[in-house]
Amino acid sequence: MQTRFPGFSVKRQKLQSICSRGRSKRKLRQLQNQLKMLDLDAKDIGNVKTKESDAKEATQEVQSLQATVKKLEEQCAVEVAARKAARAEAESWKTKALQADQAKKDTEEEKVFLTKEFQHLMPQYEALKAREKKRVAALKKQLETERAVNTELLRDEEDERVSNAELHRDEEGKQEDDAEN
């Protein structure tokens, strides 16, 4: 009988020779106990191998789970970064909206102020315009009067020149007449 353990080979003849020589049964029991122990060890080795393969599978599972966790962490980091960017953009838009709202309020206040200022200055402008119109009319009238006076003076001057020229001709004519006589 050959055992299935490579490190322990006991043949049937050897067992029979031990018994036939009258050796003690104790030796036989020891060998049988060793066989049982080796059988148990073999089972333990099988269990260990099974546990080892289970451990390898578990290790592979853990590694795949770690890879999945790492991917999820990366996705979370990307999502967190995207949320931060979105939050920053939202804050930027909120700030711009507040600035636009403030600018609109300032524009409305400026518009109201300018309208009041316009309403206040418009009567003054109308009064100034009326005064300027009267002044222009007065200056125009004065200019027409001065033009009429200047025209009159020019006519008088022209008449005087003509009369001086006639007198001068008359005198020359007299002098010529006197010179002829």
N, C-alpha and C. Protein backbone atom coordinates (compact mmCIF):
# COMPACT_ATOMS: atom_id res chain seq x y z
N MET A 1 0.84 -1.16 0.00
CA MET A 1 0.00 0.00 0.00
C MET A 1 0.89 1.23 0.00
N GLN A 2 0.75 1.99 -1.02
CA GLN A 2 1.58 3.18 -1.18
C GLN A 2 0.74 4.38 -0.76
N THR A 3 1.36 5.24 -0.02
CA THR A 3 0.64 6.43 0.42
C THR A 3 0.71 7.48 -0.68
N ARG A 4 -0.16 8.41 -0.55
CA ARG A 4 -0.17 9.45 -1.58
C ARG A 4 0.68 10.64 -1.20
N PHE A 5 1.45 10.52 -0.16
CA PHE A 5 2.31 11.62 0.27
C PHE A 5 3.72 11.38 -0.22
N PRO A 6 4.29 12.30 -0.93
CA PRO A 6 5.59 12.07 -1.53
C PRO A 6 6.71 11.95 -0.49
N GLY A 7 6.58 12.64 0.60
CA GLY A 7 7.65 12.59 1.59
C GLY A 7 7.57 11.37 2.49
N PHE A 8 6.54 10.63 2.37
CA PHE A 8 6.34 9.49 3.28
C PHE A 8 5.91 8.30 2.44
N SER A 9 6.81 7.38 2.22
CA SER A 9 6.45 6.19 1.43
C SER A 9 6.61 4.95 2.29
N VAL A 10 5.49 4.35 2.55
CA VAL A 10 5.49 3.10 3.33
C VAL A 10 4.79 2.08 2.45
N LYS A 11 5.46 0.97 2.28
CA LYS A 11 4.88 -0.05 1.43
C LYS A 11 4.22 -1.11 2.29
N ARG A 12 3.37 -1.84 1.67
CA ARG A 12 2.62 -2.89 2.36
C ARG A 12 3.56 -3.95 2.95
N GLN A 13 4.55 -4.28 2.23
CA GLN A 13 5.48 -5.31 2.71
C GLN A 13 6.17 -4.86 3.97
N LYS A 14 6.52 -3.63 3.99
CA LYS A 14 7.21 -3.13 5.16
C LYS A 14 6.30 -3.24 6.37
N LEU A 15 5.03 -2.86 6.21
CA LEU A 15 4.09 -2.97 7.31
C LEU A 15 3.94 -4.44 7.76
N GLN A 16 3.85 -5.28 6.81
CA GLN A 16 3.71 -6.72 7.16
C GLN A 16 4.97 -7.23 7.84
N SER A 17 6.11 -6.78 7.36
CA SER A 17 7.35 -7.25 7.97
C SER A 17 7.47 -6.76 9.39
N ILE A 18 6.97 -5.56 9.62
CA ILE A 18 7.03 -5.03 10.97
C ILE A 18 6.13 -5.87 11.87
N CYS A 19 4.97 -6.16 11.39
CA CYS A 19 4.03 -6.96 12.19
C CYS A 19 4.55 -8.39 12.36
N SER A 20 5.10 -8.94 11.30
CA SER A 20 5.56 -10.32 11.36
C SER A 20 6.77 -10.45 12.23
N ARG A 21 7.57 -9.55 12.36
CA ARG A 21 8.75 -9.64 13.19
C ARG A 21 8.38 -9.51 14.64
N GLY A 22 7.19 -9.17 14.84
CA GLY A 22 6.77 -9.09 16.20
C GLY A 22 7.05 -7.75 16.83
N ARG A 23 7.27 -6.83 16.02
CA ARG A 23 7.48 -5.52 16.61
C ARG A 23 6.19 -5.09 17.23
N SER A 24 6.32 -4.18 17.95
CA SER A 24 5.14 -3.78 18.70
C SER A 24 4.11 -3.12 17.81
N LYS A 25 2.92 -3.30 18.26
CA LYS A 25 1.82 -2.69 17.53
C LYS A 25 1.89 -1.17 17.67
N ARG A 26 2.65 -0.80 18.66
CA ARG A 26 2.78 0.63 18.87
C ARG A 26 3.41 1.30 17.66
N LYS A 27 4.39 0.67 17.10
CA LYS A 27 5.06 1.22 15.93
C LYS A 27 4.05 1.33 14.80
N LEU A 28 3.20 0.31 14.65
CA LEU A 28 2.18 0.34 13.61
C LEU A 28 1.21 1.49 13.85
N ARG A 29 0.81 1.63 15.10
CA ARG A 29 -0.11 2.72 15.41
C ARG A 29 0.55 4.08 15.16
N GLN A 30 1.81 4.16 15.49
CA GLN A 30 2.52 5.42 15.24
C GLN A 30 2.52 5.73 13.75
N LEU A 31 2.79 4.71 12.99
CA LEU A 31 2.80 4.93 11.54
C LEU A 31 1.40 5.29 11.05
N GLN A 32 0.39 4.61 11.59
CA GLN A 32 -0.98 4.93 11.19
C GLN A 32 -1.34 6.35 11.64
N ASN A 33 -0.91 6.69 12.84
CA ASN A 33 -1.16 8.05 13.32
C ASN A 33 -0.44 9.07 12.43
N GLN A 34 0.79 8.73 12.04
CA GLN A 34 1.53 9.63 11.15
C GLN A 34 0.79 9.77 9.82
N LEU A 35 0.25 8.62 9.35
CA LEU A 35 -0.52 8.68 8.10
C LEU A 35 -1.74 9.58 8.27
N LYS A 36 -2.43 9.40 9.39
CA LYS A 36 -3.60 10.24 9.65
C LYS A 36 -3.19 11.71 9.72
N MET A 37 -2.09 11.95 10.42
CA MET A 37 -1.60 13.32 10.54
C MET A 37 -1.24 13.89 9.18
N LEU A 38 -0.56 13.04 8.38
CA LEU A 38 -0.20 13.51 7.04
C LEU A 38 -1.45 13.73 6.20
N ASP A 39 -2.43 12.86 6.38
CA ASP A 39 -3.69 13.03 5.67
C ASP A 39 -4.36 14.35 6.09
N LEU A 40 -4.35 14.58 7.43
CA LEU A 40 -4.91 15.85 7.93
C LEU A 40 -4.09 17.03 7.42
N ASP A 41 -2.76 16.85 7.42
CA ASP A 41 -1.90 17.91 6.88
C ASP A 41 -2.21 18.16 5.42
N ALA A 42 -2.45 17.07 4.68
CA ALA A 42 -2.79 17.22 3.27
C ALA A 42 -4.10 17.98 3.13
N LYS A 43 -5.06 17.61 3.99
CA LYS A 43 -6.32 18.35 3.96
C LYS A 43 -6.09 19.80 4.33
N ASP A 44 -5.24 20.02 5.36
CA ASP A 44 -4.91 21.40 5.75
C ASP A 44 -4.23 22.14 4.60
N ILE A 45 -3.34 21.43 3.91
CA ILE A 45 -2.67 22.04 2.75
C ILE A 45 -3.71 22.39 1.70
N GLY A 46 -4.65 21.47 1.47
CA GLY A 46 -5.73 21.75 0.52
C GLY A 46 -6.55 22.95 0.97
N ASN A 47 -6.85 22.95 2.29
CA ASN A 47 -7.59 24.10 2.83
C ASN A 47 -6.78 25.38 2.69
N VAL A 48 -5.49 25.27 2.97
CA VAL A 48 -4.62 26.44 2.85
C VAL A 48 -4.58 26.92 1.41
N LYS A 49 -4.47 25.93 0.47
CA LYS A 49 -4.45 26.32 -0.94
C LYS A 49 -5.77 26.96 -1.33
N THR A 50 -6.87 26.41 -0.83
CA THR A 50 -8.18 27.00 -1.11
C THR A 50 -8.26 28.39 -0.51
N LYS A 51 -7.80 28.48 0.74
CA LYS A 51 -7.81 29.79 1.39
C LYS A 51 -6.87 30.76 0.67
N GLU A 52 -5.76 30.24 0.21
CA GLU A 52 -4.81 31.07 -0.54
C GLU A 52 -5.45 31.58 -1.82
N SER A 53 -6.13 30.67 -2.55
CA SER A 53 -6.80 31.11 -3.78
C SER A 53 -7.93 32.07 -3.45
N ASP A 54 -8.65 31.78 -2.33
CA ASP A 54 -9.69 32.72 -1.89
C ASP A 54 -9.07 34.07 -1.54
N ALA A 55 -7.92 34.01 -0.87
CA ALA A 55 -7.22 35.25 -0.50
C ALA A 55 -6.77 36.00 -1.75
N LYS A 56 -6.29 35.25 -2.77
CA LYS A 56 -5.89 35.90 -4.02
C LYS A 56 -7.09 36.56 -4.68
N GLU A 57 -8.21 35.82 -4.70
CA GLU A 57 -9.43 36.38 -5.27
C GLU A 57 -9.87 37.61 -4.48
N ALA A 58 -9.80 37.49 -3.15
CA ALA A 58 -10.17 38.62 -2.30
C ALA A 58 -9.23 39.80 -2.54
N THR A 59 -7.93 39.48 -2.70
CA THR A 59 -6.95 40.54 -2.99
C THR A 59 -7.27 41.21 -4.32
N GLN A 60 -7.60 40.38 -5.31
CA GLN A 60 -7.97 40.94 -6.61
C GLN A 60 -9.24 41.78 -6.49
N GLU A 61 -10.20 41.29 -5.71
CA GLU A 61 -11.42 42.05 -5.49
C GLU A 61 -11.11 43.37 -4.80
N VAL A 62 -10.24 43.29 -3.78
CA VAL A 62 -9.86 44.50 -3.05
C VAL A 62 -9.17 45.47 -4.00
N GLN A 63 -8.27 44.94 -4.85
CA GLN A 63 -7.57 45.80 -5.80
C GLN A 63 -8.55 46.43 -6.78
N SER A 64 -9.51 45.63 -7.27
CA SER A 64 -10.50 46.20 -8.19
C SER A 64 -11.37 47.23 -7.46
N LEU A 65 -11.71 46.92 -6.19
CA LEU A 65 -12.48 47.89 -5.41
C LEU A 65 -11.67 49.16 -5.15
N GLN A 66 -10.36 48.97 -4.88
CA GLN A 66 -9.50 50.15 -4.69
C GLN A 66 -9.43 50.97 -5.96
N ALA A 67 -9.32 50.28 -7.11
CA ALA A 67 -9.30 51.00 -8.39
C ALA A 67 -10.62 51.74 -8.59
N THR A 68 -11.72 51.06 -8.26
CA THR A 68 -13.03 51.70 -8.39
C THR A 68 -13.14 52.90 -7.46
N VAL A 69 -12.66 52.71 -6.22
CA VAL A 69 -12.68 53.82 -5.25
C VAL A 69 -11.84 54.98 -5.76
N LYS A 70 -10.68 54.64 -6.33
CA LYS A 70 -9.79 55.69 -6.85
C LYS A 70 -10.48 56.45 -7.99
N LYS A 71 -11.14 55.68 -8.89
CA LYS A 71 -11.87 56.33 -9.99
C LYS A 71 -12.98 57.21 -9.44
N LEU A 72 -13.71 56.67 -8.44
CA LEU A 72 -14.79 57.46 -7.85
C LEU A 72 -14.25 58.70 -7.15
N GLU A 73 -13.10 58.55 -6.48
CA GLU A 73 -12.49 59.72 -5.84
C GLU A 73 -12.10 60.76 -6.89
N GLU A 74 -11.54 60.29 -8.01
CA GLU A 74 -11.18 61.21 -9.09
C GLU A 74 -12.43 61.89 -9.64
N GLN A 75 -13.50 61.09 -9.84
CA GLN A 75 -14.75 61.67 -10.32
C GLN A 75 -15.30 62.69 -9.33
N CYS A 76 -15.21 62.33 -8.05
CA CYS A 76 -15.67 63.26 -7.01
C CYS A 76 -14.84 64.54 -7.03
N ALA A 77 -13.52 64.37 -7.19
CA ALA A 77 -12.65 65.55 -7.25
C ALA A 77 -13.02 66.42 -8.45
N VAL A 78 -13.28 65.76 -9.58
CA VAL A 78 -13.67 66.52 -10.78
C VAL A 78 -15.01 67.21 -10.54
N GLU A 79 -15.96 66.48 -9.93
CA GLU A 79 -17.26 67.08 -9.64
C GLU A 79 -17.14 68.23 -8.65
N VAL A 80 -16.29 68.05 -7.64
CA VAL A 80 -16.08 69.12 -6.66
C VAL A 80 -15.47 70.34 -7.35
N ALA A 81 -14.49 70.09 -8.22
CA ALA A 81 -13.87 71.20 -8.96
C ALA A 81 -14.91 71.87 -9.85
N ALA A 82 -15.75 71.06 -10.50
CA ALA A 82 -16.79 71.62 -11.37
C ALA A 82 -17.78 72.44 -10.54
N ARG A 83 -18.14 71.92 -9.35
CA ARG A 83 -19.05 72.67 -8.48
C ARG A 83 -18.42 73.97 -8.03
N LYS A 84 -17.12 73.90 -7.68
CA LYS A 84 -16.43 75.13 -7.26
C LYS A 84 -16.40 76.13 -8.40
N ALA A 85 -16.10 75.64 -9.61
CA ALA A 85 -16.08 76.53 -10.77
C ALA A 85 -17.47 77.11 -11.01
N ALA A 86 -18.49 76.25 -10.92
CA ALA A 86 -19.86 76.73 -11.12
C ALA A 86 -20.24 77.74 -10.04
N ARG A 87 -19.82 77.45 -8.80
CA ARG A 87 -20.12 78.37 -7.71
C ARG A 87 -19.41 79.70 -7.94
N ALA A 88 -18.13 79.63 -8.37
CA ALA A 88 -17.38 80.86 -8.64
C ALA A 88 -18.03 81.64 -9.78
N GLU A 89 -18.45 80.92 -10.82
CA GLU A 89 -19.12 81.59 -11.94
C GLU A 89 -20.44 82.20 -11.49
N ALA A 90 -21.18 81.46 -10.65
CA ALA A 90 -22.44 81.99 -10.14
C ALA A 90 -22.20 83.24 -9.30
N GLU A 91 -21.16 83.20 -8.48
CA GLU A 91 -20.80 84.38 -7.68
C GLU A 91 -20.43 85.55 -8.59
N SER A 92 -19.68 85.24 -9.65
CA SER A 92 -19.29 86.27 -10.60
C SER A 92 -20.53 86.89 -11.25
N TRP A 93 -21.46 86.02 -11.68
CA TRP A 93 -22.69 86.53 -12.31
C TRP A 93 -23.52 87.31 -11.29
N LYS A 94 -23.54 86.83 -10.05
CA LYS A 94 -24.29 87.52 -9.01
C LYS A 94 -23.69 88.91 -8.79
N THR A 95 -22.36 88.96 -8.72
CA THR A 95 -21.67 90.24 -8.54
C THR A 95 -21.96 91.18 -9.71
N LYS A 96 -21.89 90.61 -10.93
CA LYS A 96 -22.18 91.43 -12.11
C LYS A 96 -23.62 91.92 -12.10
N ALA A 97 -24.55 91.05 -11.68
CA ALA A 97 -25.96 91.44 -11.61
C ALA A 97 -26.15 92.55 -10.58
N LEU A 98 -25.48 92.42 -9.43
CA LEU A 98 -25.57 93.46 -8.41
C LEU A 98 -24.98 94.78 -8.92
N GLN A 99 -23.85 94.67 -9.63
CA GLN A 99 -23.24 95.88 -10.19
C GLN A 99 -24.16 96.51 -11.23
N ALA A 100 -24.77 95.66 -12.08
CA ALA A 100 -25.70 96.18 -13.09
C ALA A 100 -26.91 96.82 -12.42
N ASP A 101 -27.42 96.19 -11.37
CA ASP A 101 -28.55 96.74 -10.64
C ASP A 101 -28.19 98.08 -10.02
N GLN A 102 -26.99 98.14 -9.42
CA GLN A 102 -26.53 99.39 -8.82
C GLN A 102 -26.35 100.46 -9.88
N ALA A 103 -25.78 100.07 -11.03
CA ALA A 103 -25.60 101.02 -12.13
C ALA A 103 -26.96 101.52 -12.62
N LYS A 104 -27.94 100.62 -12.68
CA LYS A 104 -29.28 101.01 -13.11
C LYS A 104 -29.89 102.01 -12.12
N LYS A 105 -29.73 101.72 -10.82
CA LYS A 105 -30.24 102.64 -9.80
C LYS A 105 -29.54 103.99 -9.91
N ASP A 106 -28.21 103.96 -10.08
CA ASP A 106 -27.46 105.21 -10.22
C ASP A 106 -27.92 105.99 -11.44
N THR A 107 -28.17 105.26 -12.53
CA THR A 107 -28.64 105.90 -13.77
C THR A 107 -30.01 106.52 -13.55
N GLU A 108 -30.89 105.80 -12.86
CA GLU A 108 -32.22 106.34 -12.57
C GLU A 108 -32.12 107.60 -11.71
N GLU A 109 -31.26 107.55 -10.68
CA GLU A 109 -31.07 108.72 -9.83
C GLU A 109 -30.52 109.89 -10.64
N GLU A 110 -29.54 109.59 -11.50
CA GLU A 110 -28.96 110.63 -12.36
C GLU A 110 -30.01 111.20 -13.30
N LYS A 111 -30.86 110.32 -13.82
CA LYS A 111 -31.93 110.75 -14.73
C LYS A 111 -32.90 111.67 -14.00
N VAL A 112 -33.30 111.27 -12.78
CA VAL A 112 -34.21 112.11 -11.99
C VAL A 112 -33.55 113.45 -11.68
N PHE A 113 -32.28 113.41 -11.29
CA PHE A 113 -31.56 114.64 -10.99
C PHE A 113 -31.49 115.54 -12.21
N LEU A 114 -31.12 114.95 -13.35
CA LEU A 114 -31.00 115.75 -14.57
C LEU A 114 -32.35 116.29 -15.02
N THR A 115 -33.42 115.51 -14.82
CA THR A 115 -34.75 115.99 -15.18
C THR A 115 -35.13 117.19 -14.32
N LYS A 116 -34.87 117.08 -13.01
CA LYS A 116 -35.16 118.21 -12.12
C LYS A 116 -34.31 119.42 -12.50
N GLU A 117 -33.04 119.16 -12.78
CA GLU A 117 -32.14 120.25 -13.17
C GLU A 117 -32.61 120.89 -14.48
N PHE A 118 -33.05 120.05 -15.42
CA PHE A 118 -33.55 120.55 -16.70
C PHE A 118 -34.80 121.39 -16.47
N GLN A 119 -35.72 120.86 -15.63
CA GLN A 119 -36.95 121.61 -15.35
C GLN A 119 -36.64 122.92 -14.63
N HIS A 120 -35.59 122.93 -13.84
CA HIS A 120 -35.20 124.15 -13.15
C HIS A 120 -34.54 125.14 -14.12
N LEU A 121 -33.71 124.63 -15.01
CA LEU A 121 -32.96 125.51 -15.92
C LEU A 121 -33.76 125.93 -17.15
N MET A 122 -34.79 125.17 -17.52
CA MET A 122 -35.55 125.47 -18.74
C MET A 122 -36.20 126.85 -18.68
N PRO A 123 -36.86 127.24 -17.59
CA PRO A 123 -37.42 128.60 -17.55
C PRO A 123 -36.34 129.67 -17.67
N GLN A 124 -35.21 129.42 -17.03
CA GLN A 124 -34.11 130.39 -17.14
C GLN A 124 -33.63 130.48 -18.58
N TYR A 125 -33.56 129.32 -19.25
CA TYR A 125 -33.14 129.30 -20.65
C TYR A 125 -34.15 130.05 -21.52
N GLU A 126 -35.44 129.79 -21.27
CA GLU A 126 -36.48 130.47 -22.04
C GLU A 126 -36.40 131.98 -21.83
N ALA A 127 -36.19 132.40 -20.57
CA ALA A 127 -36.08 133.83 -20.27
C ALA A 127 -34.85 134.41 -20.96
N LEU A 128 -33.73 133.69 -20.89
CA LEU A 128 -32.50 134.14 -21.55
C LEU A 128 -32.70 134.22 -23.05
N LYS A 129 -33.40 133.24 -23.60
CA LYS A 129 -33.67 133.21 -25.03
C LYS A 129 -34.53 134.41 -25.43
N ALA A 130 -35.55 134.71 -24.61
CA ALA A 130 -36.42 135.86 -24.89
C ALA A 130 -35.62 137.16 -24.81
N ARG A 131 -34.75 137.27 -23.78
CA ARG A 131 -33.91 138.48 -23.67
C ARG A 131 -32.99 138.62 -24.87
N GLU A 132 -32.38 137.48 -25.27
CA GLU A 132 -31.47 137.52 -26.42
C GLU A 132 -32.24 137.90 -27.69
N LYS A 133 -33.47 137.41 -27.80
CA LYS A 133 -34.29 137.73 -28.97
C LYS A 133 -34.58 139.23 -29.00
N LYS A 134 -34.95 139.77 -27.82
CA LYS A 134 -35.22 141.21 -27.73
C LYS A 134 -33.95 142.00 -28.04
N ARG A 135 -32.84 141.51 -27.49
CA ARG A 135 -31.57 142.21 -27.72
C ARG A 135 -31.19 142.18 -29.19
N VAL A 136 -31.39 141.00 -29.82
CA VAL A 136 -31.10 140.89 -31.25
C VAL A 136 -32.02 141.81 -32.04
N ALA A 137 -33.30 141.85 -31.65
CA ALA A 137 -34.24 142.74 -32.35
C ALA A 137 -33.82 144.19 -32.17
N ALA A 138 -33.40 144.54 -30.94
CA ALA A 138 -32.96 145.92 -30.69
C ALA A 138 -31.70 146.23 -31.49
N LEU A 139 -30.76 145.28 -31.50
CA LEU A 139 -29.53 145.49 -32.28
C LEU A 139 -29.83 145.59 -33.76
N LYS A 140 -30.78 144.77 -34.22
CA LYS A 140 -31.17 144.80 -35.64
C LYS A 140 -31.78 146.16 -35.98
N LYS A 141 -32.66 146.63 -35.08
CA LYS A 141 -33.30 147.92 -35.30
C LYS A 141 -32.25 149.02 -35.29
N GLN A 142 -31.32 148.93 -34.31
CA GLN A 142 -30.25 149.92 -34.22
C GLN A 142 -29.39 149.88 -35.47
N LEU A 143 -29.10 148.66 -35.96
CA LEU A 143 -28.29 148.52 -37.16
C LEU A 143 -29.01 149.12 -38.37
N GLU A 144 -30.31 148.86 -38.48
CA GLU A 144 -31.07 149.43 -39.60
C GLU A 144 -31.09 150.95 -39.51
N THR A 145 -31.23 151.46 -38.28
CA THR A 145 -31.23 152.91 -38.09
C THR A 145 -29.88 153.48 -38.48
N GLU A 146 -28.82 152.83 -38.00
CA GLU A 146 -27.47 153.30 -38.34
C GLU A 146 -27.22 153.19 -39.83
N ARG A 147 -27.73 152.14 -40.45
CA ARG A 147 -27.56 151.98 -41.89
C ARG A 147 -28.29 153.11 -42.62
N ALA A 148 -29.49 153.41 -42.16
CA ALA A 148 -30.27 154.49 -42.79
C ALA A 148 -29.53 155.82 -42.61
N VAL A 149 -28.99 156.02 -41.39
CA VAL A 149 -28.24 157.25 -41.13
C VAL A 149 -27.00 157.29 -42.00
N ASN A 150 -26.29 156.16 -42.09
CA ASN A 150 -25.08 156.10 -42.92
C ASN A 150 -25.42 156.32 -44.38
N THR A 151 -26.53 155.74 -44.81
CA THR A 151 -26.95 155.94 -46.21
C THR A 151 -27.25 157.41 -46.44
N GLU A 152 -27.93 158.00 -45.48
CA GLU A 152 -28.25 159.43 -45.57
C GLU A 152 -26.97 160.25 -45.60
N LEU A 153 -26.02 159.89 -44.72
CA LEU A 153 -24.74 160.61 -44.69
C LEU A 153 -23.98 160.43 -45.99
N LEU A 154 -24.02 159.19 -46.52
CA LEU A 154 -23.34 158.94 -47.79
C LEU A 154 -23.99 159.75 -48.90
N ARG A 155 -25.30 159.84 -48.90
CA ARG A 155 -25.98 160.64 -49.92
C ARG A 155 -25.59 162.11 -49.78
N ASP A 156 -25.62 162.57 -48.52
CA ASP A 156 -25.25 163.97 -48.29
C ASP A 156 -23.81 164.20 -48.73
N GLU A 157 -22.95 163.25 -48.39
CA GLU A 157 -21.55 163.37 -48.77
C GLU A 157 -21.42 163.36 -50.28
N GLU A 158 -22.18 162.47 -50.91
CA GLU A 158 -22.13 162.36 -52.38
C GLU A 158 -22.66 163.65 -53.00
N ASP A 159 -23.74 164.13 -52.41
CA ASP A 159 -24.29 165.39 -52.93
C ASP A 159 -23.28 166.51 -52.75
N GLU A 160 -22.64 166.52 -51.60
CA GLU A 160 -21.65 167.55 -51.33
C GLU A 160 -20.48 167.43 -52.29
N ARG A 161 -20.06 166.20 -52.56
CA ARG A 161 -18.96 165.98 -53.48
C ARG A 161 -19.35 166.43 -54.89
N VAL A 162 -20.58 166.06 -55.24
CA VAL A 162 -21.06 166.46 -56.56
C VAL A 162 -21.13 167.98 -56.64
N SER A 163 -21.64 168.56 -55.57
CA SER A 163 -21.74 170.02 -55.60
C SER A 163 -20.34 170.64 -55.57
N ASN A 164 -19.41 170.05 -54.82
CA ASN A 164 -18.03 170.53 -54.81
C ASN A 164 -17.40 170.35 -56.18
N ALA A 165 -17.70 169.23 -56.81
CA ALA A 165 -17.15 168.98 -58.13
C ALA A 165 -17.73 169.99 -59.11
N GLU A 166 -19.02 170.30 -58.99
CA GLU A 166 -19.65 171.28 -59.87
C GLU A 166 -19.05 172.65 -59.62
N LEU A 167 -18.86 172.97 -58.34
CA LEU A 167 -18.25 174.25 -58.00
C LEU A 167 -16.84 174.32 -58.55
N HIS A 168 -16.17 173.25 -58.41
CA HIS A 168 -14.80 173.19 -58.88
C HIS A 168 -14.79 173.34 -60.40
N ARG A 169 -15.73 172.72 -61.08
CA ARG A 169 -15.80 172.85 -62.53
C ARG A 169 -16.21 174.26 -62.92
N ASP A 170 -17.12 174.77 -62.12
CA ASP A 170 -17.57 176.13 -62.41
C ASP A 170 -16.40 177.09 -62.24
N GLU A 171 -15.62 176.88 -61.21
CA GLU A 171 -14.48 177.74 -60.97
C GLU A 171 -13.46 177.57 -62.07
N GLU A 172 -13.26 176.39 -62.51
CA GLU A 172 -12.31 176.13 -63.58
C GLU A 172 -12.83 176.73 -64.87
N GLY A 173 -14.16 176.59 -65.01
CA GLY A 173 -14.77 177.17 -66.21
C GLY A 173 -14.63 178.69 -66.19
N LYS A 174 -14.77 179.31 -65.00
CA LYS A 174 -14.62 180.75 -64.86
C LYS A 174 -13.18 181.13 -65.10
N GLN A 175 -12.29 180.34 -64.58
CA GLN A 175 -10.89 180.65 -64.74
C GLN A 175 -10.51 180.50 -66.21
N GLU A 176 -11.08 179.57 -66.86
CA GLU A 176 -10.80 179.40 -68.28
C GLU A 176 -11.43 180.54 -69.06
N ASP A 177 -12.63 180.93 -68.62
CA ASP A 177 -13.31 182.03 -69.28
C ASP A 177 -12.51 183.32 -69.04
N ASP A 178 -12.04 183.49 -67.83
CA ASP A 178 -11.26 184.66 -67.50
C ASP A 178 -9.94 184.61 -68.26
N ALA A 179 -9.42 183.47 -68.41
CA ALA A 179 -8.15 183.34 -69.09
C ALA A 179 -8.37 183.58 -70.58
N GLU A 180 -9.51 183.28 -71.07
CA GLU A 180 -9.82 183.49 -72.47
C GLU A 180 -10.12 184.97 -72.68
N ASN A 181 -10.66 185.55 -71.73
CA ASN A 181 -11.01 186.95 -71.87
C ASN A 181 -9.79 187.72 -71.61
